[in-house]
Amino acid sequence: MTKENPGADKATLVAQEERLAKVAVEQDEIKAKLKAEREDLDNRIKSFEKRVTSFRKDKEVYEVAQGKPIGIGEIGEGRGIERVTEQDFAKVAEMEAFMNEMVKVYVPQDGSQGALDVVVITVNGINQPIIRGKEQWIKRKYVEALARSRVTTYTQQTPDPTKPDVIQMVDITSPTYPFAVREDKNPKGWPWLEAIIAQPNV
């Protein structure tokens, strides 16, 4: 501000302040506009990604429906969808009924130290207690569990007495809980049990 024209200098300052205020408002408006445009772009990108995902799912469903084989990375062992027939359901239902038939068994008492008076067999998380020394009716599936429950012990044998240092380990497999079937009303029951007992220990 000069002594010659102080009013002119003051007017100039006011004009500059007004211009700066106007520029600041314009910049705020530009920032707000850019922010709105960016939000709109983000929303469009998200919408596009959703459409792509939906398209891929629809495409996979269509390809499977058309018989496209399912790869290893897509499910389980990479096997195709197996068709189940009414005959398969009938076999499953027949086997289920067979395994739930009642069979009379007898588990003898065990006089060895630590032996329990009650044997507990578990199938699919369900326990079946069997009292030793008494005949008892139980479902066939628990009889199968008894038959498959085996213990393997090893004994040392010397095949050649002249070579006592040559020792062979011989395994002996026996039932964990010896038992006897006292009554089975299904004629298929005995062959079924004999087949299980004849199976090698695994």
Foldseek 3Di string as FASTA:
>chain_A
DDPVCPPVVVVVVVVVVVVVVVVVVVVVVVVVVVVVVVVVVVVVVVVVVVVVVVVVVVVVVVCVVVPDQAQCVGDDNRHGDDDDDPVNVVVVVVVVVQQFDKFKKAFADDPDPPDDQWDWADDPRDIDIDGHPDIDIGGNNSVLSQLLAKDKDWDWDDPDPVCVVDIDIDIDIDGPTDMDTPDDPDPVVVVVSVVSNPDDRD
